[in-house]
């Protein structure tokens, strides 16, 4: 009888411990699943403001070396997989690229995370990138903020990084992460990198369906202000620039058609098209702005995982950067990154892993 009472008491203790443990797990899961939003940028912009040198992030280029930018795209991390340590090829691919190419800057082309839950994955990614001790610059993709965190929260986590160059940008022009990086050599800008938020999706009433978004008028006005400000600082001559966005411009379709019609002339382009491009459902005119201002000679986009073509179109080279890793959907022989080298000339090369 005494033995039975001891067993009952032990059983109750075990049941209590299990209950407390399950309660703690439930609380942690609830907190993890709660949607959170980050701080909205306190910066604003208007066309009457004067562009000054400190508006942009500056990176110094070694005069004796080419400057190398490694673009990685559509890494597509998410908690549901990462919490179990199943990272696939993404981290291994990035590590291999960085180790072999030794870039001066890494541009993260959006869709770093995706799906419903991303809090842990974002924090892990920041730690992973910081271990390289190389400056990195992210942009927003269409999937990044579709889960339980918005891009302001993601940006707040990114900004905890010692090496992340992100600026949230003005709060009144559309999107998060419209900012400028100037590469300088001997106090002169040799290339300006314009990073912009191409947003996610929107409902198109005229089509009665959802579709990918586009770059807004306010962003284009801001872009022109930046380019004209750089031009003024450069004695009235344009500073050569590159544009980095996630969702491609509509002209990516026309560019490939031209490349195909040329019989795939190597003087015009290179790379593959393995899926239909998915730009915004309307053409907001960003490409026309690029032509009008005459500064940007290179545009880099991501988004369409199995396209990596690069085509010279109406004086501007439009390039898909390589998808990095096997998350979401991928093609095994198109895994890697894109290396942009700035020196006596600018070169673009896909690095396959």
C-alpha atoms as a PDB file:
ATOM      1  CA  UNK A   1       0.000   0.000   0.000  1.00  0.00           C
ATOM      2  CA  UNK A   2       2.825   2.414   0.922  1.00  0.00           C
ATOM      3  CA  UNK A   3       4.643   1.481  -2.281  1.00  0.00           C
ATOM      4  CA  UNK A   4       1.519   2.249  -4.324  1.00  0.00           C
ATOM      5  CA  UNK A   5       1.229   5.708  -2.725  1.00  0.00           C
ATOM      6  CA  UNK A   6       4.875   6.452  -3.568  1.00  0.00           C
ATOM      7  CA  UNK A   7       4.270   5.439  -7.171  1.00  0.00           C
ATOM      8  CA  UNK A   8       1.185   7.652  -7.375  1.00  0.00           C
ATOM      9  CA  UNK A   9       3.151  10.584  -5.966  1.00  0.00           C
ATOM     10  CA  UNK A  10       5.987   9.998  -8.453  1.00  0.00           C
ATOM     11  CA  UNK A  11       3.496   9.753 -11.287  1.00  0.00           C
ATOM     12  CA  UNK A  12       1.911  13.040 -10.285  1.00  0.00           C
ATOM     13  CA  UNK A  13       5.316  14.739 -10.202  1.00  0.00           C
ATOM     14  CA  UNK A  14       6.165  13.377 -13.662  1.00  0.00           C
ATOM     15  CA  UNK A  15       2.797  14.483 -15.041  1.00  0.00           C
ATOM     16  CA  UNK A  16       3.294  17.953 -13.501  1.00  0.00           C
ATOM     17  CA  UNK A  17       6.764  18.293 -15.028  1.00  0.00           C
ATOM     18  CA  UNK A  18       5.452  17.237 -18.451  1.00  0.00           C
ATOM     19  CA  UNK A  19       2.551  19.691 -18.144  1.00  0.00           C
ATOM     20  CA  UNK A  20       4.892  22.553 -17.258  1.00  0.00           C
ATOM     21  CA  UNK A  21       7.194  21.610 -20.123  1.00  0.00           C
ATOM     22  CA  UNK A  22       4.303  21.497 -22.607  1.00  0.00           C
ATOM     23  CA  UNK A  23       2.985  24.833 -21.307  1.00  0.00           C
ATOM     24  CA  UNK A  24       6.406  26.428 -21.827  1.00  0.00           C
ATOM     25  CA  UNK A  25       6.621  24.952 -25.333  1.00  0.00           C
ATOM     26  CA  UNK A  26       3.117  26.241 -26.093  1.00  0.00           C
ATOM     27  CA  UNK A  27       4.006  29.732 -24.875  1.00  0.00           C
ATOM     28  CA  UNK A  28       7.205  29.764 -26.932  1.00  0.00           C
ATOM     29  CA  UNK A  29       5.354  28.559 -30.016  1.00  0.00           C
ATOM     30  CA  UNK A  30       2.680  31.222 -29.542  1.00  0.00           C
ATOM     31  CA  UNK A  31       5.287  33.977 -29.216  1.00  0.00           C
ATOM     32  CA  UNK A  32       7.154  32.615 -32.247  1.00  0.00           C
ATOM     33  CA  UNK A  33       4.003  32.574 -34.353  1.00  0.00           C
ATOM     34  CA  UNK A  34       2.748  36.066 -33.436  1.00  0.00           C
ATOM     35  CA  UNK A  35       3.209  38.457 -36.392  1.00  0.00           C
ATOM     36  CA  UNK A  36       5.570  41.353 -35.649  1.00  0.00           C
ATOM     37  CA  UNK A  37       6.379  44.617 -37.362  1.00  0.00           C
ATOM     38  CA  UNK A  38       9.585  46.618 -37.250  1.00  0.00           C
ATOM     39  CA  UNK A  39      10.225  50.325 -36.877  1.00  0.00           C
ATOM     40  CA  UNK A  40       9.244  52.499 -39.820  1.00  0.00           C
ATOM     41  CA  UNK A  41      12.074  54.658 -41.158  1.00  0.00           C
ATOM     42  CA  UNK A  42      12.134  58.206 -39.805  1.00  0.00           C
ATOM     43  CA  UNK A  43      13.748  59.462 -43.024  1.00  0.00           C
ATOM     44  CA  UNK A  44      11.712  61.253 -45.641  1.00  0.00           C
ATOM     45  CA  UNK A  45      12.493  62.694 -49.041  1.00  0.00           C
ATOM     46  CA  UNK A  46      11.321  65.556 -51.227  1.00  0.00           C
ATOM     47  CA  UNK A  47      12.711  66.813 -54.508  1.00  0.00           C
ATOM     48  CA  UNK A  48      13.745  70.179 -53.050  1.00  0.00           C
ATOM     49  CA  UNK A  49      16.255  68.533 -50.719  1.00  0.00           C
ATOM     50  CA  UNK A  50      19.917  68.815 -51.668  1.00  0.00           C
ATOM     51  CA  UNK A  51      21.794  65.614 -52.389  1.00  0.00           C
ATOM     52  CA  UNK A  52      24.931  65.471 -50.249  1.00  0.00           C
ATOM     53  CA  UNK A  53      27.818  63.036 -50.181  1.00  0.00           C
ATOM     54  CA  UNK A  54      26.798  61.557 -46.840  1.00  0.00           C
ATOM     55  CA  UNK A  55      23.405  60.497 -48.237  1.00  0.00           C
ATOM     56  CA  UNK A  56      24.996  57.331 -49.599  1.00  0.00           C
ATOM     57  CA  UNK A  57      27.004  54.546 -48.027  1.00  0.00           C
ATOM     58  CA  UNK A  58      30.600  54.760 -49.253  1.00  0.00           C
ATOM     59  CA  UNK A  59      33.001  51.882 -49.890  1.00  0.00           C
ATOM     60  CA  UNK A  60      36.624  52.586 -50.792  1.00  0.00           C
ATOM     61  CA  UNK A  61      38.067  50.686 -53.749  1.00  0.00           C
ATOM     62  CA  UNK A  62      41.712  49.668 -53.721  1.00  0.00           C
ATOM     63  CA  UNK A  63      43.255  51.463 -56.746  1.00  0.00           C
ATOM     64  CA  UNK A  64      45.473  48.443 -57.406  1.00  0.00           C
ATOM     65  CA  UNK A  65      42.647  45.903 -57.507  1.00  0.00           C
ATOM     66  CA  UNK A  66      39.375  45.276 -59.293  1.00  0.00           C
ATOM     67  CA  UNK A  67      36.277  45.651 -57.127  1.00  0.00           C
ATOM     68  CA  UNK A  68      34.237  42.446 -56.924  1.00  0.00           C
ATOM     69  CA  UNK A  69      30.525  42.261 -56.142  1.00  0.00           C
ATOM     70  CA  UNK A  70      28.968  38.863 -55.503  1.00  0.00           C
ATOM     71  CA  UNK A  71      25.195  38.730 -56.014  1.00  0.00           C
ATOM     72  CA  UNK A  72      23.293  35.910 -54.317  1.00  0.00           C
ATOM     73  CA  UNK A  73      19.593  35.451 -55.012  1.00  0.00           C
ATOM     74  CA  UNK A  74      16.444  33.756 -53.739  1.00  0.00           C
ATOM     75  CA  UNK A  75      18.025  31.890 -50.835  1.00  0.00           C
ATOM     76  CA  UNK A  76      14.479  31.205 -49.532  1.00  0.00           C
ATOM     77  CA  UNK A  77      15.164  30.254 -45.900  1.00  0.00           C
ATOM     78  CA  UNK A  78      12.300  29.567 -43.483  1.00  0.00           C
ATOM     79  CA  UNK A  79      11.900  28.467 -39.879  1.00  0.00           C
ATOM     80  CA  UNK A  80       9.856  25.372 -40.620  1.00  0.00           C
ATOM     81  CA  UNK A  81      12.894  23.777 -42.252  1.00  0.00           C
ATOM     82  CA  UNK A  82      15.762  25.657 -40.610  1.00  0.00           C
ATOM     83  CA  UNK A  83      14.745  24.740 -37.051  1.00  0.00           C
ATOM     84  CA  UNK A  84      15.433  21.118 -37.961  1.00  0.00           C
ATOM     85  CA  UNK A  85      18.807  21.970 -39.480  1.00  0.00           C
ATOM     86  CA  UNK A  86      17.712  21.077 -43.015  1.00  0.00           C
ATOM     87  CA  UNK A  87      19.316  23.958 -44.899  1.00  0.00           C
ATOM     88  CA  UNK A  88      19.785  22.181 -48.203  1.00  0.00           C
ATOM     89  CA  UNK A  89      22.486  23.642 -50.415  1.00  0.00           C
ATOM     90  CA  UNK A  90      21.972  27.361 -49.728  1.00  0.00           C
ATOM     91  CA  UNK A  91      24.528  27.972 -46.970  1.00  0.00           C
ATOM     92  CA  UNK A  92      27.066  25.598 -48.498  1.00  0.00           C
ATOM     93  CA  UNK A  93      26.713  27.367 -51.849  1.00  0.00           C
ATOM     94  CA  UNK A  94      27.204  30.829 -50.322  1.00  0.00           C
ATOM     95  CA  UNK A  95      30.203  29.658 -48.320  1.00  0.00           C
ATOM     96  CA  UNK A  96      31.797  28.164 -51.423  1.00  0.00           C
ATOM     97  CA  UNK A  97      31.144  31.320 -53.468  1.00  0.00           C
ATOM     98  CA  UNK A  98      32.542  33.687 -50.856  1.00  0.00           C
ATOM     99  CA  UNK A  99      35.581  31.510 -50.133  1.00  0.00           C
ATOM    100  CA  UNK A 100      36.512  31.088 -53.796  1.00  0.00           C
ATOM    101  CA  UNK A 101      35.635  34.568 -55.108  1.00  0.00           C
ATOM    102  CA  UNK A 102      36.641  36.689 -52.091  1.00  0.00           C
ATOM    103  CA  UNK A 103      34.264  39.546 -52.981  1.00  0.00           C
ATOM    104  CA  UNK A 104      34.506  43.110 -51.681  1.00  0.00           C
ATOM    105  CA  UNK A 105      30.723  43.333 -51.361  1.00  0.00           C
ATOM    106  CA  UNK A 106      27.871  40.817 -51.291  1.00  0.00           C
ATOM    107  CA  UNK A 107      24.483  41.950 -52.622  1.00  0.00           C
ATOM    108  CA  UNK A 108      21.573  39.843 -51.358  1.00  0.00           C
ATOM    109  CA  UNK A 109      18.967  40.098 -54.112  1.00  0.00           C
ATOM    110  CA  UNK A 110      15.788  39.435 -52.121  1.00  0.00           C
ATOM    111  CA  UNK A 111      13.624  36.470 -51.129  1.00  0.00           C
ATOM    112  CA  UNK A 112      16.165  35.683 -48.451  1.00  0.00           C
ATOM    113  CA  UNK A 113      13.290  34.129 -46.518  1.00  0.00           C
ATOM    114  CA  UNK A 114       9.831  32.937 -47.502  1.00  0.00           C
ATOM    115  CA  UNK A 115       6.700  31.155 -46.228  1.00  0.00           C
ATOM    116  CA  UNK A 116       4.823  31.639 -42.968  1.00  0.00           C
ATOM    117  CA  UNK A 117       7.460  31.773 -40.227  1.00  0.00           C
ATOM    118  CA  UNK A 118      10.825  33.506 -40.542  1.00  0.00           C
ATOM    119  CA  UNK A 119      11.979  34.913 -37.193  1.00  0.00           C
ATOM    120  CA  UNK A 120      14.663  32.321 -36.497  1.00  0.00           C
ATOM    121  CA  UNK A 121      15.863  32.119 -40.114  1.00  0.00           C
ATOM    122  CA  UNK A 122      16.476  35.863 -40.310  1.00  0.00           C
ATOM    123  CA  UNK A 123      18.531  35.875 -37.124  1.00  0.00           C
ATOM    124  CA  UNK A 124      20.515  32.847 -38.265  1.00  0.00           C
ATOM    125  CA  UNK A 125      21.185  34.462 -41.643  1.00  0.00           C
ATOM    126  CA  UNK A 126      22.592  37.616 -40.019  1.00  0.00           C
ATOM    127  CA  UNK A 127      24.988  35.535 -37.917  1.00  0.00           C
ATOM    128  CA  UNK A 128      25.950  33.479 -40.969  1.00  0.00           C
ATOM    129  CA  UNK A 129      26.718  36.575 -43.090  1.00  0.00           C
ATOM    130  CA  UNK A 130      28.658  38.315 -40.339  1.00  0.00           C
ATOM    131  CA  UNK A 131      31.011  35.364 -40.024  1.00  0.00           C
ATOM    132  CA  UNK A 132      32.419  36.275 -43.471  1.00  0.00           C
ATOM    133  CA  UNK A 133      33.398  39.776 -42.233  1.00  0.00           C
ATOM    134  CA  UNK A 134      32.522  41.210 -45.658  1.00  0.00           C
ATOM    135  CA  UNK A 135      30.120  44.137 -46.276  1.00  0.00           C
ATOM    136  CA  UNK A 136      26.721  42.962 -47.515  1.00  0.00           C
ATOM    137  CA  UNK A 137      23.763  44.853 -48.929  1.00  0.00           C
ATOM    138  CA  UNK A 138      20.262  43.320 -49.026  1.00  0.00           C
ATOM    139  CA  UNK A 139      17.145  44.292 -50.955  1.00  0.00           C
ATOM    140  CA  UNK A 140      13.543  43.285 -50.396  1.00  0.00           C
ATOM    141  CA  UNK A 141      11.983  40.462 -52.415  1.00  0.00           C
ATOM    142  CA  UNK A 142       8.353  39.603 -52.950  1.00  0.00           C
ATOM    143  CA  UNK A 143       8.424  36.725 -50.427  1.00  0.00           C
ATOM    144  CA  UNK A 144      10.460  38.239 -47.593  1.00  0.00           C
ATOM    145  CA  UNK A 145       7.589  39.889 -45.744  1.00  0.00           C
ATOM    146  CA  UNK A 146       4.766  37.480 -46.578  1.00  0.00           C
ATOM    147  CA  UNK A 147       5.050  35.562 -43.305  1.00  0.00           C
ATOM    148  CA  UNK A 148       4.927  36.539 -39.642  1.00  0.00           C
ATOM    149  CA  UNK A 149       7.443  39.405 -39.997  1.00  0.00           C
ATOM    150  CA  UNK A 150       7.365  42.524 -42.157  1.00  0.00           C
ATOM    151  CA  UNK A 151      10.383  43.878 -43.993  1.00  0.00           C
ATOM    152  CA  UNK A 152      10.897  46.633 -41.421  1.00  0.00           C
ATOM    153  CA  UNK A 153      11.392  43.907 -38.802  1.00  0.00           C
ATOM    154  CA  UNK A 154      13.742  42.026 -41.117  1.00  0.00           C
ATOM    155  CA  UNK A 155      15.616  45.268 -41.785  1.00  0.00           C
ATOM    156  CA  UNK A 156      15.926  45.910 -38.032  1.00  0.00           C
ATOM    157  CA  UNK A 157      17.503  42.475 -37.631  1.00  0.00           C
ATOM    158  CA  UNK A 158      19.798  43.046 -40.621  1.00  0.00           C
ATOM    159  CA  UNK A 159      20.905  46.364 -39.137  1.00  0.00           C
ATOM    160  CA  UNK A 160      22.157  44.559 -36.025  1.00  0.00           C
ATOM    161  CA  UNK A 161      24.863  43.176 -38.284  1.00  0.00           C
ATOM    162  CA  UNK A 162      28.281  44.770 -38.070  1.00  0.00           C
ATOM    163  CA  UNK A 163      28.738  44.405 -41.830  1.00  0.00           C
ATOM    164  CA  UNK A 164      25.271  45.099 -43.282  1.00  0.00           C
ATOM    165  CA  UNK A 165      25.076  48.336 -45.330  1.00  0.00           C
ATOM    166  CA  UNK A 166      21.277  48.481 -45.587  1.00  0.00           C
ATOM    167  CA  UNK A 167      19.447  51.762 -45.195  1.00  0.00           C
ATOM    168  CA  UNK A 168      15.665  51.660 -44.872  1.00  0.00           C
ATOM    169  CA  UNK A 169      15.482  54.790 -46.993  1.00  0.00           C
ATOM    170  CA  UNK A 170      12.733  57.426 -47.122  1.00  0.00           C
ATOM    171  CA  UNK A 171       9.383  56.457 -45.607  1.00  0.00           C
ATOM    172  CA  UNK A 172       7.356  58.340 -48.223  1.00  0.00           C
ATOM    173  CA  UNK A 173       8.454  56.908 -51.561  1.00  0.00           C
ATOM    174  CA  UNK A 174       7.208  53.322 -51.434  1.00  0.00           C
ATOM    175  CA  UNK A 175       8.947  50.284 -50.056  1.00  0.00           C
ATOM    176  CA  UNK A 176      11.714  49.629 -47.582  1.00  0.00           C
ATOM    177  CA  UNK A 177      15.365  49.624 -48.586  1.00  0.00           C
ATOM    178  CA  UNK A 178      15.722  52.276 -51.295  1.00  0.00           C
ATOM    179  CA  UNK A 179      19.324  53.344 -50.813  1.00  0.00           C
ATOM    180  CA  UNK A 180      22.639  54.147 -52.491  1.00  0.00           C
ATOM    181  CA  UNK A 181      26.152  52.717 -52.200  1.00  0.00           C
ATOM    182  CA  UNK A 182      28.990  54.678 -53.801  1.00  0.00           C
ATOM    183  CA  UNK A 183      32.219  52.890 -54.654  1.00  0.00           C
ATOM    184  CA  UNK A 184      35.033  55.423 -54.491  1.00  0.00           C
ATOM    185  CA  UNK A 185      38.618  55.338 -55.636  1.00  0.00           C
ATOM    186  CA  UNK A 186      40.904  58.205 -54.595  1.00  0.00           C
ATOM    187  CA  UNK A 187      37.846  60.197 -53.477  1.00  0.00           C
ATOM    188  CA  UNK A 188      36.116  59.812 -56.862  1.00  0.00           C
ATOM    189  CA  UNK A 189      32.992  57.719 -57.413  1.00  0.00           C
ATOM    190  CA  UNK A 190      33.774  54.967 -59.897  1.00  0.00           C
ATOM    191  CA  UNK A 191      30.361  53.293 -59.624  1.00  0.00           C
ATOM    192  CA  UNK A 192      27.132  54.063 -57.818  1.00  0.00           C
ATOM    193  CA  UNK A 193      24.902  51.169 -56.796  1.00  0.00           C
ATOM    194  CA  UNK A 194      21.196  52.002 -56.549  1.00  0.00           C
ATOM    195  CA  UNK A 195      19.250  49.410 -54.557  1.00  0.00           C
ATOM    196  CA  UNK A 196      15.460  49.583 -54.726  1.00  0.00           C
ATOM    197  CA  UNK A 197      12.419  47.784 -53.369  1.00  0.00           C
ATOM    198  CA  UNK A 198      10.347  46.321 -56.226  1.00  0.00           C
ATOM    199  CA  UNK A 199       7.650  45.327 -53.686  1.00  0.00           C
ATOM    200  CA  UNK A 200       5.606  42.139 -53.671  1.00  0.00           C
ATOM    201  CA  UNK A 201       2.160  41.867 -55.234  1.00  0.00           C
ATOM    202  CA  UNK A 202      -1.071  43.815 -55.546  1.00  0.00           C
ATOM    203  CA  UNK A 203      -4.637  43.303 -56.637  1.00  0.00           C
ATOM    204  CA  UNK A 204      -5.254  44.625 -60.162  1.00  0.00           C
ATOM    205  CA  UNK A 205      -8.913  45.617 -60.363  1.00  0.00           C
ATOM    206  CA  UNK A 206      -8.891  45.857 -64.133  1.00  0.00           C
ATOM    207  CA  UNK A 207      -7.635  42.264 -64.348  1.00  0.00           C
ATOM    208  CA  UNK A 208      -9.590  41.054 -61.315  1.00  0.00           C
ATOM    209  CA  UNK A 209      -6.578  39.159 -60.011  1.00  0.00           C
ATOM    210  CA  UNK A 210      -3.399  39.496 -58.004  1.00  0.00           C
ATOM    211  CA  UNK A 211      -0.129  40.081 -59.795  1.00  0.00           C
ATOM    212  CA  UNK A 212       3.421  41.188 -59.138  1.00  0.00           C
ATOM    213  CA  UNK A 213       3.969  44.819 -58.218  1.00  0.00           C
ATOM    214  CA  UNK A 214       6.165  47.472 -59.843  1.00  0.00           C
ATOM    215  CA  UNK A 215       8.419  50.412 -58.985  1.00  0.00           C
ATOM    216  CA  UNK A 216       6.309  53.442 -58.020  1.00  0.00           C
ATOM    217  CA  UNK A 217       6.343  56.980 -59.436  1.00  0.00           C
ATOM    218  CA  UNK A 218       7.703  58.331 -56.138  1.00  0.00           C
ATOM    219  CA  UNK A 219      10.615  55.894 -56.312  1.00  0.00           C
ATOM    220  CA  UNK A 220      11.394  56.924 -59.878  1.00  0.00           C
ATOM    221  CA  UNK A 221      11.381  60.583 -58.849  1.00  0.00           C
ATOM    222  CA  UNK A 222      13.753  59.714 -55.991  1.00  0.00           C
ATOM    223  CA  UNK A 223      15.996  57.782 -58.400  1.00  0.00           C
ATOM    224  CA  UNK A 224      16.206  60.796 -60.746  1.00  0.00           C
ATOM    225  CA  UNK A 225      17.029  63.028 -57.776  1.00  0.00           C
ATOM    226  CA  UNK A 226      19.867  60.713 -56.742  1.00  0.00           C
ATOM    227  CA  UNK A 227      21.303  60.520 -60.270  1.00  0.00           C
ATOM    228  CA  UNK A 228      21.081  64.283 -60.780  1.00  0.00           C
ATOM    229  CA  UNK A 229      22.660  64.857 -57.369  1.00  0.00           C
ATOM    230  CA  UNK A 230      25.561  62.582 -58.234  1.00  0.00           C
ATOM    231  CA  UNK A 231      25.908  64.354 -61.579  1.00  0.00           C
ATOM    232  CA  UNK A 232      26.082  67.777 -59.919  1.00  0.00           C
ATOM    233  CA  UNK A 233      28.756  66.554 -57.523  1.00  0.00           C
ATOM    234  CA  UNK A 234      30.678  65.137 -60.465  1.00  0.00           C
ATOM    235  CA  UNK A 235      31.042  68.462 -62.250  1.00  0.00           C
ATOM    236  CA  UNK A 236      28.015  68.007 -64.510  1.00  0.00           C
ATOM    237  CA  UNK A 237      28.975  64.570 -65.820  1.00  0.00           C
ATOM    238  CA  UNK A 238      26.945  61.445 -65.087  1.00  0.00           C
ATOM    239  CA  UNK A 239      28.299  58.980 -62.579  1.00  0.00           C
ATOM    240  CA  UNK A 240      28.004  55.468 -63.995  1.00  0.00           C
ATOM    241  CA  UNK A 241      25.584  53.394 -61.956  1.00  0.00           C
ATOM    242  CA  UNK A 242      23.982  49.981 -61.524  1.00  0.00           C
ATOM    243  CA  UNK A 243      20.426  49.212 -60.420  1.00  0.00           C
ATOM    244  CA  UNK A 244      19.640  46.219 -58.178  1.00  0.00           C
ATOM    245  CA  UNK A 245      15.989  45.105 -57.885  1.00  0.00           C
ATOM    246  CA  UNK A 246      14.242  41.827 -57.154  1.00  0.00           C
ATOM    247  CA  UNK A 247      11.338  41.697 -59.611  1.00  0.00           C
ATOM    248  CA  UNK A 248      12.594  42.234 -63.186  1.00  0.00           C
ATOM    249  CA  UNK A 249      11.527  45.132 -65.376  1.00  0.00           C
ATOM    250  CA  UNK A 250       9.084  44.379 -68.183  1.00  0.00           C
ATOM    251  CA  UNK A 251      11.867  45.008 -70.694  1.00  0.00           C
ATOM    252  CA  UNK A 252      13.509  41.747 -69.651  1.00  0.00           C
ATOM    253  CA  UNK A 253      10.912  40.073 -71.892  1.00  0.00           C
ATOM    254  CA  UNK A 254      11.753  42.296 -74.878  1.00  0.00           C
ATOM    255  CA  UNK A 255      15.478  41.876 -74.283  1.00  0.00           C
ATOM    256  CA  UNK A 256      15.319  38.089 -74.469  1.00  0.00           C
ATOM    257  CA  UNK A 257      13.133  38.225 -77.579  1.00  0.00           C
ATOM    258  CA  UNK A 258      15.784  40.410 -79.225  1.00  0.00           C
ATOM    259  CA  UNK A 259      18.518  38.002 -78.149  1.00  0.00           C
ATOM    260  CA  UNK A 260      16.564  35.054 -79.539  1.00  0.00           C
ATOM    261  CA  UNK A 261      15.885  36.857 -82.834  1.00  0.00           C
ATOM    262  CA  UNK A 262      19.619  37.550 -83.193  1.00  0.00           C
ATOM    263  CA  UNK A 263      20.282  33.813 -83.200  1.00  0.00           C
ATOM    264  CA  UNK A 264      21.694  34.158 -79.673  1.00  0.00           C
ATOM    265  CA  UNK A 265      24.463  36.495 -80.764  1.00  0.00           C
ATOM    266  CA  UNK A 266      27.224  36.392 -78.117  1.00  0.00           C
ATOM    267  CA  UNK A 267      27.833  40.093 -78.692  1.00  0.00           C
ATOM    268  CA  UNK A 268      24.336  40.781 -77.364  1.00  0.00           C
ATOM    269  CA  UNK A 269      23.894  38.339 -74.541  1.00  0.00           C
ATOM    270  CA  UNK A 270      24.533  35.078 -72.727  1.00  0.00           C
ATOM    271  CA  UNK A 271      22.740  32.778 -70.314  1.00  0.00           C
ATOM    272  CA  UNK A 272      19.515  30.777 -70.268  1.00  0.00           C
ATOM    273  CA  UNK A 273      15.765  31.298 -70.127  1.00  0.00           C
ATOM    274  CA  UNK A 274      14.023  28.303 -68.592  1.00  0.00           C
ATOM    275  CA  UNK A 275      10.787  29.941 -67.494  1.00  0.00           C
ATOM    276  CA  UNK A 276       8.665  32.877 -68.583  1.00  0.00           C
ATOM    277  CA  UNK A 277       9.807  36.109 -66.961  1.00  0.00           C
ATOM    278  CA  UNK A 278       7.482  37.416 -64.233  1.00  0.00           C
ATOM    279  CA  UNK A 279       7.732  41.215 -64.109  1.00  0.00           C
ATOM    280  CA  UNK A 280       5.060  43.527 -62.711  1.00  0.00           C
ATOM    281  CA  UNK A 281       1.678  43.282 -64.367  1.00  0.00           C
ATOM    282  CA  UNK A 282       2.042  46.819 -65.708  1.00  0.00           C
ATOM    283  CA  UNK A 283       5.058  48.674 -67.036  1.00  0.00           C
ATOM    284  CA  UNK A 284       5.496  51.687 -64.769  1.00  0.00           C
ATOM    285  CA  UNK A 285       8.192  53.225 -66.971  1.00  0.00           C
ATOM    286  CA  UNK A 286      11.344  52.646 -64.905  1.00  0.00           C
ATOM    287  CA  UNK A 287      13.337  51.569 -67.951  1.00  0.00           C
ATOM    288  CA  UNK A 288      12.420  54.798 -69.741  1.00  0.00           C
ATOM    289  CA  UNK A 289      13.679  56.715 -66.702  1.00  0.00           C
ATOM    290  CA  UNK A 290      16.977  54.815 -66.896  1.00  0.00           C
ATOM    291  CA  UNK A 291      17.361  55.774 -70.551  1.00  0.00           C
ATOM    292  CA  UNK A 292      16.354  59.370 -69.901  1.00  0.00           C
ATOM    293  CA  UNK A 293      18.900  59.921 -67.137  1.00  0.00           C
ATOM    294  CA  UNK A 294      21.662  58.026 -68.954  1.00  0.00           C
ATOM    295  CA  UNK A 295      23.557  56.929 -65.845  1.00  0.00           C
ATOM    296  CA  UNK A 296      22.571  53.313 -65.252  1.00  0.00           C
ATOM    297  CA  UNK A 297      24.175  50.897 -67.692  1.00  0.00           C
ATOM    298  CA  UNK A 298      23.463  47.686 -65.778  1.00  0.00           C
ATOM    299  CA  UNK A 299      20.293  46.336 -64.167  1.00  0.00           C
ATOM    300  CA  UNK A 300      20.333  43.199 -62.004  1.00  0.00           C
ATOM    301  CA  UNK A 301      17.193  41.293 -60.998  1.00  0.00           C
ATOM    302  CA  UNK A 302      16.340  37.926 -59.445  1.00  0.00           C
ATOM    303  CA  UNK A 303      12.889  36.410 -58.767  1.00  0.00           C
ATOM    304  CA  UNK A 304      12.713  33.912 -61.672  1.00  0.00           C
ATOM    305  CA  UNK A 305      14.843  31.089 -60.323  1.00  0.00           C
ATOM    306  CA  UNK A 306      15.793  29.265 -63.492  1.00  0.00           C
ATOM    307  CA  UNK A 307      16.559  32.270 -65.689  1.00  0.00           C
ATOM    308  CA  UNK A 308      20.087  33.660 -65.774  1.00  0.00           C
ATOM    309  CA  UNK A 309      20.247  35.427 -69.124  1.00  0.00           C
ATOM    310  CA  UNK A 310      22.020  38.743 -69.572  1.00  0.00           C
ATOM    311  CA  UNK A 311      21.225  40.876 -72.623  1.00  0.00           C
ATOM    312  CA  UNK A 312      22.313  44.299 -73.876  1.00  0.00           C
ATOM    313  CA  UNK A 313      19.064  46.115 -74.647  1.00  0.00           C
ATOM    314  CA  UNK A 314      18.838  49.720 -75.878  1.00  0.00           C
ATOM    315  CA  UNK A 315      22.164  50.608 -74.287  1.00  0.00           C
ATOM    316  CA  UNK A 316      21.472  48.955 -70.921  1.00  0.00           C
ATOM    317  CA  UNK A 317      22.469  45.415 -69.929  1.00  0.00           C
ATOM    318  CA  UNK A 318      19.636  43.535 -68.224  1.00  0.00           C
ATOM    319  CA  UNK A 319      20.846  40.567 -66.171  1.00  0.00           C
ATOM    320  CA  UNK A 320      19.221  37.861 -64.100  1.00  0.00           C
ATOM    321  CA  UNK A 321      21.464  36.931 -61.193  1.00  0.00           C
ATOM    322  CA  UNK A 322      21.865  33.249 -60.390  1.00  0.00           C
ATOM    323  CA  UNK A 323      19.608  31.540 -57.862  1.00  0.00           C
ATOM    324  CA  UNK A 324      21.516  30.461 -54.778  1.00  0.00           C
ATOM    325  CA  UNK A 325      20.605  27.125 -53.206  1.00  0.00           C
ATOM    326  CA  UNK A 326      17.857  24.587 -53.768  1.00  0.00           C
ATOM    327  CA  UNK A 327      14.977  26.065 -51.749  1.00  0.00           C
ATOM    328  CA  UNK A 328      11.461  26.664 -53.134  1.00  0.00           C
ATOM    329  CA  UNK A 329      12.111  25.570 -56.724  1.00  0.00           C
ATOM    330  CA  UNK A 330      15.430  25.260 -58.490  1.00  0.00           C
ATOM    331  CA  UNK A 331      17.349  23.631 -61.307  1.00  0.00           C
ATOM    332  CA  UNK A 332      20.321  21.619 -60.112  1.00  0.00           C
ATOM    333  CA  UNK A 333      22.705  22.823 -62.828  1.00  0.00           C
ATOM    334  CA  UNK A 334      21.836  26.515 -62.237  1.00  0.00           C
ATOM    335  CA  UNK A 335      22.884  26.905 -58.622  1.00  0.00           C
ATOM    336  CA  UNK A 336      25.394  29.600 -57.687  1.00  0.00           C
ATOM    337  CA  UNK A 337      25.888  33.355 -57.734  1.00  0.00           C
ATOM    338  CA  UNK A 338      26.752  36.188 -60.094  1.00  0.00           C
ATOM    339  CA  UNK A 339      30.114  37.958 -59.980  1.00  0.00           C
ATOM    340  CA  UNK A 340      30.264  41.599 -61.095  1.00  0.00           C
ATOM    341  CA  UNK A 341      33.807  42.901 -61.500  1.00  0.00           C
ATOM    342  CA  UNK A 342      34.503  46.638 -61.717  1.00  0.00           C
ATOM    343  CA  UNK A 343      37.915  47.629 -63.045  1.00  0.00           C
ATOM    344  CA  UNK A 344      39.158  49.052 -66.324  1.00  0.00           C
ATOM    345  CA  UNK A 345      35.974  47.507 -67.658  1.00  0.00           C
ATOM    346  CA  UNK A 346      32.927  45.958 -66.036  1.00  0.00           C
ATOM    347  CA  UNK A 347      32.372  42.228 -66.455  1.00  0.00           C
ATOM    348  CA  UNK A 348      29.528  39.922 -65.410  1.00  0.00           C
ATOM    349  CA  UNK A 349      30.049  36.209 -64.861  1.00  0.00           C
ATOM    350  CA  UNK A 350      27.780  33.530 -63.459  1.00  0.00           C
ATOM    351  CA  UNK A 351      29.532  31.250 -60.977  1.00  0.00           C
ATOM    352  CA  UNK A 352      28.110  27.714 -60.961  1.00  0.00           C
ATOM    353  CA  UNK A 353      28.392  25.540 -57.852  1.00  0.00           C
END
